[in-house]
């Protein structure tokens, strides 16, 4: 299918560089790039959830010992 696109100059220059590197027609290159972009947009990212790291955190002071608590607070 034929259509007309208004492409900014810098983008067109980059497309033409890529066209010569990949050996595709400009239309084929643009179609491939657009199809890839649309596929990525439609597919949700499968980022794994962050790893939950937990470790036991024992008491650093005996809370029934007021002097020990005050010493810790005064640090």
C-alpha atoms as a PDB file:
ATOM      1  CA  UNK A   1       0.000   0.000   0.000  1.00  0.00           C
ATOM      2  CA  UNK A   2       1.330   3.435  -0.855  1.00  0.00           C
ATOM      3  CA  UNK A   3       1.039   6.494   1.352  1.00  0.00           C
ATOM      4  CA  UNK A   4       2.807   9.783   1.925  1.00  0.00           C
ATOM      5  CA  UNK A   5       4.556  10.535   5.200  1.00  0.00           C
ATOM      6  CA  UNK A   6       5.954  13.842   6.409  1.00  0.00           C
ATOM      7  CA  UNK A   7       9.232  12.845   8.102  1.00  0.00           C
ATOM      8  CA  UNK A   8      11.519  15.358   9.805  1.00  0.00           C
ATOM      9  CA  UNK A   9      14.884  15.864   8.107  1.00  0.00           C
ATOM     10  CA  UNK A  10      17.121  14.468  10.875  1.00  0.00           C
ATOM     11  CA  UNK A  11      14.951  11.358  11.178  1.00  0.00           C
ATOM     12  CA  UNK A  12      14.950  10.830   7.417  1.00  0.00           C
ATOM     13  CA  UNK A  13      18.749  11.090   7.334  1.00  0.00           C
ATOM     14  CA  UNK A  14      19.029   8.431  10.062  1.00  0.00           C
ATOM     15  CA  UNK A  15      16.533   6.233   8.212  1.00  0.00           C
ATOM     16  CA  UNK A  16      18.546   6.518   5.002  1.00  0.00           C
ATOM     17  CA  UNK A  17      21.758   5.571   6.846  1.00  0.00           C
ATOM     18  CA  UNK A  18      20.004   2.552   8.303  1.00  0.00           C
ATOM     19  CA  UNK A  19      18.467   1.740   4.919  1.00  0.00           C
ATOM     20  CA  UNK A  20      21.852   1.500   3.230  1.00  0.00           C
ATOM     21  CA  UNK A  21      23.285  -0.505   6.135  1.00  0.00           C
ATOM     22  CA  UNK A  22      20.412  -3.023   6.134  1.00  0.00           C
ATOM     23  CA  UNK A  23      19.890  -3.083   2.360  1.00  0.00           C
ATOM     24  CA  UNK A  24      16.116  -2.552   2.571  1.00  0.00           C
ATOM     25  CA  UNK A  25      13.883  -0.140   0.737  1.00  0.00           C
ATOM     26  CA  UNK A  26      12.893   2.915   2.745  1.00  0.00           C
ATOM     27  CA  UNK A  27       9.253   1.780   2.794  1.00  0.00           C
ATOM     28  CA  UNK A  28      10.183  -1.706   4.026  1.00  0.00           C
ATOM     29  CA  UNK A  29      12.462  -0.252   6.718  1.00  0.00           C
ATOM     30  CA  UNK A  30       9.808   2.159   7.996  1.00  0.00           C
ATOM     31  CA  UNK A  31       7.164  -0.608   7.980  1.00  0.00           C
ATOM     32  CA  UNK A  32       9.444  -2.948   9.935  1.00  0.00           C
ATOM     33  CA  UNK A  33      10.330  -0.272  12.487  1.00  0.00           C
ATOM     34  CA  UNK A  34       6.701   0.740  12.972  1.00  0.00           C
ATOM     35  CA  UNK A  35       5.568  -2.883  13.314  1.00  0.00           C
ATOM     36  CA  UNK A  36       8.263  -3.484  15.937  1.00  0.00           C
ATOM     37  CA  UNK A  37       7.290  -0.332  17.874  1.00  0.00           C
ATOM     38  CA  UNK A  38       3.605  -1.254  17.800  1.00  0.00           C
ATOM     39  CA  UNK A  39       4.333  -4.804  18.957  1.00  0.00           C
ATOM     40  CA  UNK A  40       6.416  -3.549  21.890  1.00  0.00           C
ATOM     41  CA  UNK A  41       3.679  -1.119  22.868  1.00  0.00           C
ATOM     42  CA  UNK A  42       1.035  -3.859  22.796  1.00  0.00           C
ATOM     43  CA  UNK A  43       3.110  -6.327  24.817  1.00  0.00           C
ATOM     44  CA  UNK A  44       3.331  -5.540  28.534  1.00  0.00           C
ATOM     45  CA  UNK A  45       6.810  -5.657  29.984  1.00  0.00           C
ATOM     46  CA  UNK A  46       7.551  -8.908  31.768  1.00  0.00           C
ATOM     47  CA  UNK A  47       9.768  -7.364  34.400  1.00  0.00           C
ATOM     48  CA  UNK A  48      10.004  -9.692  37.359  1.00  0.00           C
ATOM     49  CA  UNK A  49       8.870  -8.260  40.675  1.00  0.00           C
ATOM     50  CA  UNK A  50      11.697  -7.042  42.868  1.00  0.00           C
ATOM     51  CA  UNK A  51      13.257  -9.650  45.119  1.00  0.00           C
ATOM     52  CA  UNK A  52      12.081  -9.322  48.689  1.00  0.00           C
ATOM     53  CA  UNK A  53      15.000  -9.615  51.061  1.00  0.00           C
ATOM     54  CA  UNK A  54      14.281 -10.085  54.738  1.00  0.00           C
ATOM     55  CA  UNK A  55      16.391 -11.133  57.657  1.00  0.00           C
ATOM     56  CA  UNK A  56      15.717 -11.469  61.355  1.00  0.00           C
ATOM     57  CA  UNK A  57      16.290  -8.273  63.265  1.00  0.00           C
ATOM     58  CA  UNK A  58      16.689  -9.127  66.898  1.00  0.00           C
ATOM     59  CA  UNK A  59      16.431  -6.492  69.597  1.00  0.00           C
ATOM     60  CA  UNK A  60      19.583  -4.413  70.002  1.00  0.00           C
ATOM     61  CA  UNK A  61      18.800  -3.631  73.618  1.00  0.00           C
ATOM     62  CA  UNK A  62      16.819  -5.146  76.457  1.00  0.00           C
ATOM     63  CA  UNK A  63      13.823  -2.808  76.656  1.00  0.00           C
ATOM     64  CA  UNK A  64      13.236  -3.638  80.304  1.00  0.00           C
ATOM     65  CA  UNK A  65      16.704  -2.216  81.145  1.00  0.00           C
ATOM     66  CA  UNK A  66      16.095   1.558  81.177  1.00  0.00           C
ATOM     67  CA  UNK A  67      19.779   2.396  81.585  1.00  0.00           C
ATOM     68  CA  UNK A  68      20.682   0.343  78.492  1.00  0.00           C
ATOM     69  CA  UNK A  69      17.930   2.071  76.514  1.00  0.00           C
ATOM     70  CA  UNK A  70      19.172   5.524  77.600  1.00  0.00           C
ATOM     71  CA  UNK A  71      22.766   4.634  76.683  1.00  0.00           C
ATOM     72  CA  UNK A  72      21.629   3.575  73.228  1.00  0.00           C
ATOM     73  CA  UNK A  73      19.563   6.737  72.752  1.00  0.00           C
ATOM     74  CA  UNK A  74      22.466   8.963  73.833  1.00  0.00           C
ATOM     75  CA  UNK A  75      24.761   7.669  71.056  1.00  0.00           C
END
